C-alpha atoms as a PDB file:
ATOM      1  CA  MET A   1     108.292-169.897 -86.685  1.00  0.00           C
ATOM      2  CA  THR A   2     107.816-170.331 -90.363  1.00  0.00           C
ATOM      3  CA  TRP A   3     104.480-171.445 -91.901  1.00  0.00           C
ATOM      4  CA  VAL A   4     105.753-174.986 -92.573  1.00  0.00           C
ATOM      5  CA  ASP A   5     106.126-175.645 -88.887  1.00  0.00           C
ATOM      6  CA  GLY A   6     103.119-173.682 -87.594  1.00  0.00           C
ATOM      7  CA  PRO A   7      99.365-174.249 -87.710  1.00  0.00           C
ATOM      8  CA  GLY A   8      98.740-171.882 -90.607  1.00  0.00           C
ATOM      9  CA  TRP A   9      98.978-173.282 -94.156  1.00  0.00           C
ATOM     10  CA  ASN A  10     100.458-170.838 -96.637  1.00  0.00           C
ATOM     11  CA  ASP A  11      98.655-171.620 -99.820  1.00  0.00           C
ATOM     12  CA  GLY A  12     100.924-169.708-102.142  1.00  0.00           C
ATOM     13  CA  ARG A  13     104.078-171.215-100.792  1.00  0.00           C
ATOM     14  CA  GLY A  14     102.414-174.610-100.208  1.00  0.00           C
ATOM     15  CA  ARG A  15     101.258-174.975-103.833  1.00  0.00           C
ATOM     16  CA  ARG A  16     104.696-174.024-105.138  1.00  0.00           C
ATOM     17  CA  LEU A  17     106.300-176.662-102.852  1.00  0.00           C
ATOM     18  CA  CYS A  18     103.850-179.201-104.227  1.00  0.00           C
ATOM     19  CA  GLU A  19     105.001-178.264-107.740  1.00  0.00           C
ATOM     20  CA  LEU A  20     108.543-178.977-106.700  1.00  0.00           C
ATOM     21  CA  LEU A  21     107.514-182.283-105.115  1.00  0.00           C
ATOM     22  CA  VAL A  22     105.911-183.296-108.312  1.00  0.00           C
ATOM     23  CA  GLU A  23     109.134-182.475-110.149  1.00  0.00           C
ATOM     24  CA  GLY A  24     111.231-184.473-107.632  1.00  0.00           C
ATOM     25  CA  TYR A  25     108.810-187.377-107.253  1.00  0.00           C
ATOM     26  CA  ALA A  26     107.047-187.629-110.541  1.00  0.00           C
ATOM     27  CA  THR A  27     105.697-191.236-110.275  1.00  0.00           C
ATOM     28  CA  GLU A  28     103.410-193.159-108.051  1.00  0.00           C
ATOM     29  CA  PHE A  29     106.319-195.401-107.035  1.00  0.00           C
ATOM     30  CA  ALA A  30     108.538-192.360-106.128  1.00  0.00           C
ATOM     31  CA  MET A  31     105.640-190.795-104.072  1.00  0.00           C
ATOM     32  CA  GLN A  32     105.218-194.014-102.136  1.00  0.00           C
ATOM     33  CA  GLY A  33     108.999-194.097-101.555  1.00  0.00           C
ATOM     34  CA  LEU A  34     108.915-190.690 -99.850  1.00  0.00           C
ATOM     35  CA  VAL A  35     105.920-191.610 -97.673  1.00  0.00           C
ATOM     36  CA  GLN A  36     107.670-194.714 -96.444  1.00  0.00           C
ATOM     37  CA  SER A  37     110.954-192.851 -95.858  1.00  0.00           C
ATOM     38  CA  LEU A  38     108.925-190.526 -93.493  1.00  0.00           C
ATOM     39  CA  GLY A  39     107.929-193.605 -91.511  1.00  0.00           C
ATOM     40  CA  LEU A  40     104.238-193.424 -92.658  1.00  0.00           C
ATOM     41  CA  GLY A  41     102.074-196.214 -93.971  1.00  0.00           C
ATOM     42  CA  LEU A  42     100.796-196.153 -97.498  1.00  0.00           C
ATOM     43  CA  GLY A  43      97.228-195.696 -96.188  1.00  0.00           C
ATOM     44  CA  ILE A  44      97.995-191.967 -96.152  1.00  0.00           C
ATOM     45  CA  MET A  45      98.319-191.936 -99.942  1.00  0.00           C
ATOM     46  CA  PRO A  46      95.558-189.852-101.515  1.00  0.00           C
ATOM     47  CA  PRO A  47      93.006-191.429-103.807  1.00  0.00           C
ATOM     48  CA  ALA A  48      93.716-191.654-107.552  1.00  0.00           C
ATOM     49  CA  ALA A  49      93.754-188.292-109.261  1.00  0.00           C
ATOM     50  CA  LYS A  50      96.188-186.086-111.180  1.00  0.00           C
ATOM     51  CA  LEU A  51      99.601-186.193-109.546  1.00  0.00           C
ATOM     52  CA  GLY A  52      99.487-182.477-108.705  1.00  0.00           C
ATOM     53  CA  VAL A  53      96.147-182.806-106.982  1.00  0.00           C
ATOM     54  CA  ARG A  54      97.421-185.917-105.018  1.00  0.00           C
ATOM     55  CA  TRP A  55     100.502-184.119-103.862  1.00  0.00           C
ATOM     56  CA  TYR A  56      98.486-181.130-102.725  1.00  0.00           C
ATOM     57  CA  THR A  57      96.222-183.405-100.647  1.00  0.00           C
ATOM     58  CA  LEU A  58      99.156-185.265 -99.200  1.00  0.00           C
ATOM     59  CA  ALA A  59     101.084-181.983 -98.391  1.00  0.00           C
ATOM     60  CA  LEU A  60      98.090-180.775 -96.445  1.00  0.00           C
ATOM     61  CA  ASP A  61      98.106-183.977 -94.435  1.00  0.00           C
ATOM     62  CA  LEU A  62     101.831-183.810 -93.872  1.00  0.00           C
ATOM     63  CA  HIS A  63     101.480-180.206 -92.749  1.00  0.00           C
ATOM     64  CA  ARG A  64      98.761-181.089 -90.208  1.00  0.00           C
ATOM     65  CA  ASN A  65     100.944-183.890 -88.874  1.00  0.00           C
ATOM     66  CA  GLY A  66     104.047-181.647 -88.567  1.00  0.00           C
ATOM     67  CA  MET A  67     105.932-183.552 -91.208  1.00  0.00           C
ATOM     68  CA  LEU A  68     105.963-181.275 -94.227  1.00  0.00           C
ATOM     69  CA  ARG A  69     109.528-179.885 -93.434  1.00  0.00           C
ATOM     70  CA  ARG A  70     110.935-183.339 -93.294  1.00  0.00           C
ATOM     71  CA  ALA A  71     109.254-184.065 -96.716  1.00  0.00           C
ATOM     72  CA  ALA A  72     110.915-180.826 -98.034  1.00  0.00           C
ATOM     73  CA  GLU A  73     114.255-181.943 -96.722  1.00  0.00           C
ATOM     74  CA  GLU A  74     113.933-185.257 -98.289  1.00  0.00           C
ATOM     75  CA  LEU A  75     113.158-183.555-101.606  1.00  0.00           C
ATOM     76  CA  ILE A  76     116.388-181.492-101.360  1.00  0.00           C
ATOM     77  CA  THR A  77     118.346-184.781-100.813  1.00  0.00           C
ATOM     78  CA  GLN A  78     116.537-186.374-103.740  1.00  0.00           C
ATOM     79  CA  SER A  79     116.983-183.364-106.069  1.00  0.00           C
ATOM     80  CA  PRO A  80     119.761-181.009-104.888  1.00  0.00           C
ATOM     81  CA  VAL A  81     119.205-178.783-107.915  1.00  0.00           C
ATOM     82  CA  LEU A  82     115.965-177.708-106.262  1.00  0.00           C
ATOM     83  CA  ALA A  83     117.521-176.757-102.940  1.00  0.00           C
ATOM     84  CA  ASP A  84     117.554-173.073-103.375  1.00  0.00           C
ATOM     85  CA  GLN A  85     113.899-172.941-104.465  1.00  0.00           C
ATOM     86  CA  VAL A  86     112.715-175.250-101.613  1.00  0.00           C
ATOM     87  CA  ASN A  87     114.792-173.318 -98.951  1.00  0.00           C
ATOM     88  CA  ARG A  88     113.239-169.991-100.042  1.00  0.00           C
ATOM     89  CA  LEU A  89     109.818-171.533 -99.600  1.00  0.00           C
ATOM     90  CA  LEU A  90     110.715-172.602 -96.051  1.00  0.00           C
ATOM     91  CA  GLU A  91     112.016-169.240 -94.915  1.00  0.00           C
ATOM     92  CA  ASP A  92     110.331-167.345 -92.049  1.00  0.00           C
ATOM     93  CA  ASP A  93     107.362-165.248 -93.130  1.00  0.00           C
ATOM     94  CA  PRO A  94     108.083-161.519 -93.180  1.00  0.00           C
ATOM     95  CA  PRO A  95     106.952-159.719 -90.077  1.00  0.00           C
ATOM     96  CA  ASP A  96     103.492-158.148 -90.288  1.00  0.00           C
ATOM     97  CA  PRO A  97     103.020-155.613 -87.505  1.00  0.00           C
ATOM     98  CA  GLY A  98      99.895-156.317 -85.409  1.00  0.00           C
ATOM     99  CA  ASN A  99      99.169-159.735 -87.092  1.00  0.00           C
ATOM    100  CA  PRO A 100     100.038-163.284 -86.119  1.00  0.00           C
ATOM    101  CA  PRO A 101     101.873-165.524 -88.590  1.00  0.00           C
ATOM    102  CA  ASP A 102      98.619-167.265 -89.703  1.00  0.00           C
ATOM    103  CA  ARG A 103      97.224-165.014 -92.383  1.00  0.00           C
ATOM    104  CA  TYR A 104      93.748-166.424 -91.776  1.00  0.00           C
ATOM    105  CA  GLN A 105      93.921-164.948 -88.231  1.00  0.00           C
ATOM    106  CA  ALA A 106      94.840-161.468 -89.390  1.00  0.00           C
ATOM    107  CA  HIS A 107      93.645-158.635 -87.205  1.00  0.00           C
ATOM    108  CA  LEU A 108      94.800-155.875 -89.525  1.00  0.00           C
ATOM    109  CA  LEU A 109      94.340-155.617 -93.271  1.00  0.00           C
ATOM    110  CA  SER A 110      96.214-153.330 -95.654  1.00  0.00           C
ATOM    111  CA  GLY A 111      96.282-149.777 -94.371  1.00  0.00           C
ATOM    112  CA  ARG A 112      95.878-151.039 -90.843  1.00  0.00           C
ATOM    113  CA  ARG A 113      92.176-151.537 -91.333  1.00  0.00           C
ATOM    114  CA  PRO A 114      90.925-153.575 -88.382  1.00  0.00           C
ATOM    115  CA  LEU A 115      89.330-156.967 -89.019  1.00  0.00           C
ATOM    116  CA  ILE A 116      87.490-157.611 -85.828  1.00  0.00           C
ATOM    117  CA  ASP A 117      87.269-161.386 -85.172  1.00  0.00           C
ATOM    118  CA  ARG A 118      84.554-163.406 -86.673  1.00  0.00           C
ATOM    119  CA  VAL A 119      85.845-166.892 -85.833  1.00  0.00           C
ATOM    120  CA  ASP A 120      83.217-168.857 -87.839  1.00  0.00           C
ATOM    121  CA  LEU A 121      83.866-166.628 -90.943  1.00  0.00           C
ATOM    122  CA  ARG A 122      87.651-167.220 -90.779  1.00  0.00           C
ATOM    123  CA  ASP A 123      87.065-170.991 -90.436  1.00  0.00           C
ATOM    124  CA  ALA A 124      84.623-170.980 -93.316  1.00  0.00           C
ATOM    125  CA  LEU A 125      87.014-169.016 -95.551  1.00  0.00           C
ATOM    126  CA  LYS A 126      89.913-171.268 -94.701  1.00  0.00           C
ATOM    127  CA  MET A 127      87.916-174.361 -95.614  1.00  0.00           C
ATOM    128  CA  PHE A 128      86.716-172.623 -98.795  1.00  0.00           C
ATOM    129  CA  LEU A 129      90.257-171.793 -99.937  1.00  0.00           C
ATOM    130  CA  THR A 130      92.361-174.746 -98.674  1.00  0.00           C
ATOM    131  CA  GLU A 131      89.925-177.448 -99.650  1.00  0.00           C
ATOM    132  CA  GLN A 132      88.881-175.550-102.793  1.00  0.00           C
ATOM    133  CA  ARG A 133      85.158-175.833-101.940  1.00  0.00           C
ATOM    134  CA  PRO A 134      83.119-174.490-104.795  1.00  0.00           C
ATOM    135  CA  VAL A 135      80.680-172.095-103.014  1.00  0.00           C
ATOM    136  CA  LEU A 136      80.801-169.821 -99.942  1.00  0.00           C
ATOM    137  CA  LEU A 137      77.693-167.850 -98.953  1.00  0.00           C
ATOM    138  CA  VAL A 138      78.166-164.989 -96.480  1.00  0.00           C
ATOM    139  CA  ARG A 139      74.809-163.913 -95.084  1.00  0.00           C
ATOM    140  CA  GLY A 140      73.647-161.358 -92.514  1.00  0.00           C
ATOM    141  CA  ASP A 141      71.763-158.169 -91.885  1.00  0.00           C
ATOM    142  CA  PRO A 142      72.867-155.022 -93.676  1.00  0.00           C
ATOM    143  CA  ARG A 143      76.064-153.444 -92.294  1.00  0.00           C
ATOM    144  CA  THR A 144      77.187-156.524 -90.272  1.00  0.00           C
ATOM    145  CA  GLY A 145      80.446-156.711 -92.126  1.00  0.00           C
ATOM    146  CA  LYS A 146      79.851-159.127 -94.975  1.00  0.00           C
ATOM    147  CA  SER A 147      82.141-157.260 -97.303  1.00  0.00           C
ATOM    148  CA  TYR A 148      84.982-157.826 -94.875  1.00  0.00           C
ATOM    149  CA  SER A 149      85.002-161.440 -96.036  1.00  0.00           C
ATOM    150  CA  PHE A 150      86.246-160.195 -99.377  1.00  0.00           C
ATOM    151  CA  GLN A 151      88.907-158.062 -97.782  1.00  0.00           C
ATOM    152  CA  LEU A 152      90.125-161.067 -95.684  1.00  0.00           C
ATOM    153  CA  LEU A 153      90.166-163.159 -98.850  1.00  0.00           C
ATOM    154  CA  LEU A 154      92.336-160.621-100.560  1.00  0.00           C
ATOM    155  CA  HIS A 155      94.646-160.579 -97.524  1.00  0.00           C
ATOM    156  CA  VAL A 156      95.039-164.327 -97.472  1.00  0.00           C
ATOM    157  CA  THR A 157      95.517-164.772-101.166  1.00  0.00           C
ATOM    158  CA  ASP A 158      97.984-161.878-101.632  1.00  0.00           C
ATOM    159  CA  GLY A 159     101.017-163.263-103.478  1.00  0.00           C
ATOM    160  CA  TRP A 160      99.354-166.562-104.458  1.00  0.00           C
ATOM    161  CA  ASP A 161     100.493-167.711-107.900  1.00  0.00           C
ATOM    162  CA  GLY A 162      97.878-168.844-110.473  1.00  0.00           C
ATOM    163  CA  VAL A 163      94.853-167.447-108.622  1.00  0.00           C
ATOM    164  CA  ASP A 164      92.678-164.606-109.860  1.00  0.00           C
ATOM    165  CA  VAL A 165      90.232-162.944-107.535  1.00  0.00           C
ATOM    166  CA  VAL A 166      87.424-161.350-109.531  1.00  0.00           C
ATOM    167  CA  HIS A 167      85.220-158.927-107.580  1.00  0.00           C
ATOM    168  CA  ALA A 168      81.773-157.801-108.869  1.00  0.00           C
ATOM    169  CA  ASP A 169      80.259-155.183-106.507  1.00  0.00           C
ATOM    170  CA  PHE A 170      76.597-155.105-107.111  1.00  0.00           C
ATOM    171  CA  SER A 171      75.818-153.318-103.842  1.00  0.00           C
ATOM    172  CA  ALA A 172      74.960-149.891-105.278  1.00  0.00           C
ATOM    173  CA  ALA A 173      71.546-148.983-106.834  1.00  0.00           C
ATOM    174  CA  THR A 174      73.319-147.317-109.666  1.00  0.00           C
ATOM    175  CA  GLU A 175      74.580-150.796-110.852  1.00  0.00           C
ATOM    176  CA  GLY A 176      71.042-151.729-111.784  1.00  0.00           C
ATOM    177  CA  ASP A 177      68.537-154.038-110.189  1.00  0.00           C
ATOM    178  CA  ASN A 178      68.101-157.045-112.544  1.00  0.00           C
ATOM    179  CA  ALA A 179      69.833-160.130-113.777  1.00  0.00           C
ATOM    180  CA  ARG A 180      71.058-158.579-116.962  1.00  0.00           C
ATOM    181  CA  ALA A 181      72.685-155.679-115.131  1.00  0.00           C
ATOM    182  CA  LEU A 182      74.434-158.116-112.855  1.00  0.00           C
ATOM    183  CA  MET A 183      75.634-160.138-115.681  1.00  0.00           C
ATOM    184  CA  ILE A 184      76.923-157.074-117.568  1.00  0.00           C
ATOM    185  CA  LYS A 185      78.963-156.257-114.495  1.00  0.00           C
ATOM    186  CA  LEU A 186      80.281-159.813-114.015  1.00  0.00           C
ATOM    187  CA  ARG A 187      81.204-160.237-117.688  1.00  0.00           C
ATOM    188  CA  SER A 188      83.054-156.873-117.625  1.00  0.00           C
ATOM    189  CA  ARG A 189      85.075-157.961-114.603  1.00  0.00           C
ATOM    190  CA  LEU A 190      85.930-161.288-116.255  1.00  0.00           C
ATOM    191  CA  GLY A 191      86.957-159.604-119.480  1.00  0.00           C
ATOM    192  CA  LEU A 192      84.268-161.272-121.550  1.00  0.00           C
ATOM    193  CA  PRO A 193      82.519-159.837-124.548  1.00  0.00           C
ATOM    194  CA  ARG A 194      79.764-157.371-123.873  1.00  0.00           C
ATOM    195  CA  LEU A 195      76.207-158.583-123.818  1.00  0.00           C
ATOM    196  CA  GLN A 196      74.248-157.908-126.941  1.00  0.00           C
ATOM    197  CA  PRO A 197      70.666-156.433-126.671  1.00  0.00           C
ATOM    198  CA  PRO A 198      68.037-159.277-126.858  1.00  0.00           C
ATOM    199  CA  ASP A 199      66.109-159.642-130.092  1.00  0.00           C
ATOM    200  CA  ASP A 200      62.876-160.467-128.193  1.00  0.00           C
ATOM    201  CA  PRO A 201      61.893-159.910-124.600  1.00  0.00           C
ATOM    202  CA  THR A 202      61.723-163.082-122.527  1.00  0.00           C
ATOM    203  CA  THR A 203      60.335-164.017-119.184  1.00  0.00           C
ATOM    204  CA  PRO A 204      62.632-163.389-116.210  1.00  0.00           C
ATOM    205  CA  VAL A 205      63.180-167.136-115.641  1.00  0.00           C
ATOM    206  CA  ARG A 206      64.264-167.756-119.242  1.00  0.00           C
ATOM    207  CA  SER A 207      66.291-164.544-119.299  1.00  0.00           C
ATOM    208  CA  ALA A 208      68.256-165.549-116.265  1.00  0.00           C
ATOM    209  CA  GLY A 209      68.902-169.049-117.669  1.00  0.00           C
ATOM    210  CA  GLY A 210      69.936-167.744-121.000  1.00  0.00           C
ATOM    211  CA  LEU A 211      72.239-165.188-119.432  1.00  0.00           C
ATOM    212  CA  VAL A 212      74.059-167.913-117.469  1.00  0.00           C
ATOM    213  CA  ASP A 213      74.250-170.204-120.419  1.00  0.00           C
ATOM    214  CA  ASP A 214      75.911-167.364-122.467  1.00  0.00           C
ATOM    215  CA  LEU A 215      78.398-166.827-119.546  1.00  0.00           C
ATOM    216  CA  VAL A 216      79.324-170.537-119.429  1.00  0.00           C
ATOM    217  CA  GLY A 217      79.947-170.658-123.083  1.00  0.00           C
ATOM    218  CA  ASP A 218      82.107-167.549-123.185  1.00  0.00           C
ATOM    219  CA  TYR A 219      83.951-168.472-119.844  1.00  0.00           C
ATOM    220  CA  ARG A 220      85.286-171.627-121.374  1.00  0.00           C
ATOM    221  CA  GLN A 221      87.188-169.575-123.907  1.00  0.00           C
ATOM    222  CA  LEU A 222      89.243-167.899-121.112  1.00  0.00           C
ATOM    223  CA  ALA A 223      92.670-169.194-120.288  1.00  0.00           C
ATOM    224  CA  PRO A 224      92.557-171.959-117.707  1.00  0.00           C
ATOM    225  CA  LEU A 225      93.071-170.431-114.308  1.00  0.00           C
ATOM    226  CA  ARG A 226      91.767-170.809-110.705  1.00  0.00           C
ATOM    227  CA  ARG A 227      89.397-167.928-110.382  1.00  0.00           C
ATOM    228  CA  ILE A 228      87.629-166.902-107.186  1.00  0.00           C
ATOM    229  CA  ILE A 229      84.549-164.877-108.167  1.00  0.00           C
ATOM    230  CA  VAL A 230      83.184-162.609-105.499  1.00  0.00           C
ATOM    231  CA  ILE A 231      79.747-161.027-105.899  1.00  0.00           C
ATOM    232  CA  ASP A 232      78.801-158.430-103.304  1.00  0.00           C
ATOM    233  CA  GLY A 233      75.468-156.853-102.517  1.00  0.00           C
ATOM    234  CA  LEU A 234      72.870-159.535-103.195  1.00  0.00           C
ATOM    235  CA  ASN A 235      70.836-158.587-100.082  1.00  0.00           C
ATOM    236  CA  ARG A 236      69.618-155.283-101.648  1.00  0.00           C
ATOM    237  CA  PRO A 237      65.856-155.033-101.064  1.00  0.00           C
ATOM    238  CA  ASP A 238      65.297-153.445-104.545  1.00  0.00           C
ATOM    239  CA  LEU A 239      66.714-156.431-106.510  1.00  0.00           C
ATOM    240  CA  GLN A 240      64.359-158.141-109.007  1.00  0.00           C
ATOM    241  CA  ASN A 241      63.707-161.906-108.590  1.00  0.00           C
ATOM    242  CA  ASP A 242      65.785-162.867-111.612  1.00  0.00           C
ATOM    243  CA  VAL A 243      68.949-161.747-109.775  1.00  0.00           C
ATOM    244  CA  HIS A 244      68.478-164.578-107.250  1.00  0.00           C
ATOM    245  CA  GLN A 245      67.660-166.903-110.207  1.00  0.00           C
ATOM    246  CA  VAL A 246      71.032-166.042-111.761  1.00  0.00           C
ATOM    247  CA  ALA A 247      72.808-166.480-108.412  1.00  0.00           C
ATOM    248  CA  ALA A 248      71.272-169.978-107.932  1.00  0.00           C
ATOM    249  CA  ALA A 249      72.212-170.877-111.454  1.00  0.00           C
ATOM    250  CA  LEU A 250      75.856-169.752-110.844  1.00  0.00           C
ATOM    251  CA  ILE A 251      75.956-171.950-107.791  1.00  0.00           C
ATOM    252  CA  ARG A 252      74.898-174.957-109.837  1.00  0.00           C
ATOM    253  CA  GLU A 253      77.375-174.223-112.676  1.00  0.00           C
ATOM    254  CA  VAL A 254      80.289-173.765-110.335  1.00  0.00           C
ATOM    255  CA  ILE A 255      79.568-177.004-108.519  1.00  0.00           C
ATOM    256  CA  ASN A 256      78.972-178.865-111.732  1.00  0.00           C
ATOM    257  CA  ARG A 257      82.136-177.364-113.311  1.00  0.00           C
ATOM    258  CA  GLY A 258      80.338-175.490-115.947  1.00  0.00           C
ATOM    259  CA  LEU A 259      82.803-172.650-115.033  1.00  0.00           C
ATOM    260  CA  PRO A 260      86.045-174.776-114.896  1.00  0.00           C
ATOM    261  CA  GLN A 261      88.316-174.036-111.872  1.00  0.00           C
ATOM    262  CA  ALA A 262      86.035-171.434-110.608  1.00  0.00           C
ATOM    263  CA  GLN A 263      84.891-170.835-107.035  1.00  0.00           C
ATOM    264  CA  ILE A 264      82.270-168.377-106.087  1.00  0.00           C
ATOM    265  CA  VAL A 265      81.568-166.171-102.982  1.00  0.00           C
ATOM    266  CA  LEU A 266      78.105-164.534-102.768  1.00  0.00           C
ATOM    267  CA  THR A 267      77.549-162.038 -99.996  1.00  0.00           C
ATOM    268  CA  GLY A 268      74.023-161.338 -98.949  1.00  0.00           C
ATOM    269  CA  TYR A 269      72.488-164.107-101.028  1.00  0.00           C
ATOM    270  CA  SER A 270      69.568-165.580 -99.091  1.00  0.00           C
ATOM    271  CA  GLY A 271      67.899-167.558-101.792  1.00  0.00           C
ATOM    272  CA  ASP A 272      67.440-171.286-102.097  1.00  0.00           C
ATOM    273  CA  VAL A 273      70.189-173.786-102.706  1.00  0.00           C
ATOM    274  CA  ASP A 274      69.382-177.056-104.474  1.00  0.00           C
ATOM    275  CA  PRO A 275      69.198-179.602-101.543  1.00  0.00           C
ATOM    276  CA  ALA A 276      71.170-182.035-103.705  1.00  0.00           C
ATOM    277  CA  LEU A 277      74.046-179.601-103.843  1.00  0.00           C
ATOM    278  CA  SER A 278      73.868-178.154-100.323  1.00  0.00           C
ATOM    279  CA  GLU A 279      76.684-180.325 -98.895  1.00  0.00           C
ATOM    280  CA  LEU A 280      79.087-178.597-101.242  1.00  0.00           C
ATOM    281  CA  VAL A 281      77.987-175.140-100.129  1.00  0.00           C
ATOM    282  CA  ILE A 282      79.594-173.436 -97.135  1.00  0.00           C
ATOM    283  CA  ALA A 283      77.189-170.865 -95.589  1.00  0.00           C
ATOM    284  CA  GLU A 284      78.073-168.435 -92.796  1.00  0.00           C
ATOM    285  CA  ARG A 285      75.809-165.895 -91.166  1.00  0.00           C
ATOM    286  CA  LEU A 286      77.299-162.723 -89.570  1.00  0.00           C
ATOM    287  CA  LEU A 287      75.579-161.164 -86.645  1.00  0.00           C
ATOM    288  CA  THR A 288      75.862-157.576 -85.262  1.00  0.00           C
ATOM    289  CA  LEU A 289      79.322-156.686 -83.838  1.00  0.00           C
ATOM    290  CA  THR A 290      79.579-156.849 -80.054  1.00  0.00           C
ATOM    291  CA  GLU A 291      81.677-155.178 -77.377  1.00  0.00           C
ATOM    292  CA  ALA A 292      83.032-158.586 -76.529  1.00  0.00           C
ATOM    293  CA  GLU A 293      84.395-159.035 -79.993  1.00  0.00           C
ATOM    294  CA  VAL A 294      86.021-155.659 -79.989  1.00  0.00           C
ATOM    295  CA  ARG A 295      87.588-156.455 -76.612  1.00  0.00           C
ATOM    296  CA  GLU A 296      88.960-159.716 -78.034  1.00  0.00           C
ATOM    297  CA  PHE A 297      90.344-157.856 -81.038  1.00  0.00           C
ATOM    298  CA  PHE A 298      92.458-155.530 -78.854  1.00  0.00           C
ATOM    299  CA  GLY A 299      93.564-158.357 -76.633  1.00  0.00           C
ATOM    300  CA  ALA A 300      94.813-160.444 -79.617  1.00  0.00           C
ATOM    301  CA  LEU A 301      96.777-157.669 -81.357  1.00  0.00           C
ATOM    302  CA  MET A 302     100.377-158.621 -81.760  1.00  0.00           C
ATOM    303  CA  LEU A 303     102.103-155.645 -80.059  1.00  0.00           C
ATOM    304  CA  ASP A 304     105.482-155.192 -78.497  1.00  0.00           C
ATOM    305  CA  ARG A 305     103.870-155.232 -75.134  1.00  0.00           C
ATOM    306  CA  VAL A 306     100.774-156.756 -73.439  1.00  0.00           C
ATOM    307  CA  LEU A 307      97.858-154.339 -72.970  1.00  0.00           C
ATOM    308  CA  LYS A 308      96.613-153.902 -69.445  1.00  0.00           C
ATOM    309  CA  ALA A 309      92.950-154.606 -68.699  1.00  0.00           C
ATOM    310  CA  GLU A 310      92.203-150.940 -68.050  1.00  0.00           C
ATOM    311  CA  GLU A 311      93.789-149.992 -71.388  1.00  0.00           C
ATOM    312  CA  ILE A 312      91.605-152.422 -73.224  1.00  0.00           C
ATOM    313  CA  ASP A 313      88.551-151.051 -71.304  1.00  0.00           C
ATOM    314  CA  GLU A 314      89.355-147.553 -72.578  1.00  0.00           C
ATOM    315  CA  LEU A 315      89.910-148.780 -76.094  1.00  0.00           C
ATOM    316  CA  VAL A 316      86.491-150.547 -76.069  1.00  0.00           C
ATOM    317  CA  THR A 317      84.880-147.377 -74.839  1.00  0.00           C
ATOM    318  CA  GLU A 318      86.459-145.372 -77.576  1.00  0.00           C
ATOM    319  CA  ALA A 319      85.183-147.807 -80.195  1.00  0.00           C
ATOM    320  CA  ALA A 320      81.607-146.898 -79.103  1.00  0.00           C
ATOM    321  CA  VAL A 321      80.037-150.138 -80.226  1.00  0.00           C
ATOM    322  CA  GLY A 322      76.318-149.521 -81.071  1.00  0.00           C
ATOM    323  CA  GLN A 323      76.905-145.949 -82.239  1.00  0.00           C
ATOM    324  CA  GLY A 324      76.846-145.833 -86.006  1.00  0.00           C
ATOM    325  CA  ASP A 325      77.263-148.826 -88.348  1.00  0.00           C
ATOM    326  CA  ILE A 326      80.228-151.173 -88.596  1.00  0.00           C
ATOM    327  CA  GLY A 327      82.003-148.758 -90.826  1.00  0.00           C
ATOM    328  CA  ASP A 328      81.922-146.070 -88.242  1.00  0.00           C
ATOM    329  CA  ILE A 329      83.121-148.448 -85.529  1.00  0.00           C
ATOM    330  CA  ALA A 330      85.922-149.677 -87.787  1.00  0.00           C
ATOM    331  CA  LEU A 331      87.172-146.132 -88.239  1.00  0.00           C
ATOM    332  CA  ARG A 332      87.250-145.503 -84.515  1.00  0.00           C
ATOM    333  CA  VAL A 333      89.102-148.829 -83.924  1.00  0.00           C
ATOM    334  CA  GLN A 334      91.487-147.987 -86.716  1.00  0.00           C
ATOM    335  CA  ALA A 335      92.458-144.719 -85.140  1.00  0.00           C
ATOM    336  CA  SER A 336      93.162-146.492 -81.821  1.00  0.00           C
ATOM    337  CA  VAL A 337      95.272-149.086 -83.626  1.00  0.00           C
ATOM    338  CA  ARG A 338      97.488-146.511 -85.273  1.00  0.00           C
ATOM    339  CA  LYS A 339      98.215-144.992 -81.899  1.00  0.00           C
ATOM    340  CA  LEU A 340      99.075-148.408 -80.509  1.00  0.00           C
ATOM    341  CA  LEU A 341     101.469-149.289 -83.382  1.00  0.00           C
ATOM    342  CA  GLN A 342     103.060-145.771 -83.613  1.00  0.00           C
ATOM    343  CA  PRO A 343     106.102-146.451 -81.471  1.00  0.00           C
ATOM    344  CA  ALA A 344     106.801-149.779 -83.198  1.00  0.00           C
ATOM    345  CA  SER A 345     106.638-148.104 -86.685  1.00  0.00           C
ATOM    346  CA  GLY A 346     108.968-145.332 -85.600  1.00  0.00           C
ATOM    347  CA  GLY A 347     106.258-142.693 -85.520  1.00  0.00           C
ATOM    348  CA  GLY A 348     106.184-139.675 -83.101  1.00  0.00           C
ATOM    349  CA  PRO A 349     104.896-139.639 -79.521  1.00  0.00           C
END
């Protein structure tokens, strides 16, 4: 089953198909004509916006209703010159050993690193990406797997055109502990000019606000591009208060489009969010990994055979949940996964 017929929306291919739909149906009247040819009422037409945005919204609705393939076939009839491009977008997804077709439901990341299921996190990330929500907060105690949200994001967006994922890892004490250090890191990752030393010391509040103001001014000089900015490590106990002030200011700026086409993911941020903006913020809290989640992980792996209950019991025992942190558990699970996939990948006994 290809993505266009299944439950999982492929944002890279979907966006490219939308671009071709815009090319084939470049007016409001033409768009309405396609909707009616599919037997749908005009009530499904998205609200007024740029044509590309409207097509993206409509394509998501058609996909949910199982009618996107028909729309693509109508496009080929309307514009035969686009047939090769459209057909390539509708091809079966390449096989991904161990993983289901829906990239949001991946169990294995690159290098066969296990991503043990966090259903709520997957749903939150899917909403964040497909609906282009401005802010995603991933909270939780240390070593509960918050950084895995970034790895899943990379997995899902791999191959997407026109999307730049910018990662600023602020989790190590060597990165600094204040707002200025965070902003130096973020600006460097964005390719912005280096911060100049301040002429006069200011209070932390003014310093945080000024740093974000400077970022907004310089960011607008960048080439327009959808950027997903991920800042890791905001739950460090040694961070100064102005770091949280910068994080709160960044949330406001992204929501208010001070950073055009930007979305932001903050892991570990537990500070306040302006109540007036909270409906636009997706917040997810991760809990400690459980044996039940490890059991579900092995049961859901896409293998060439179904694992027996006793085999899964043995694999869960080998994972030794509760011994070491989540990184230790992941390494043990990864070793088991490699053994399970070895025959399918042509390895030895």
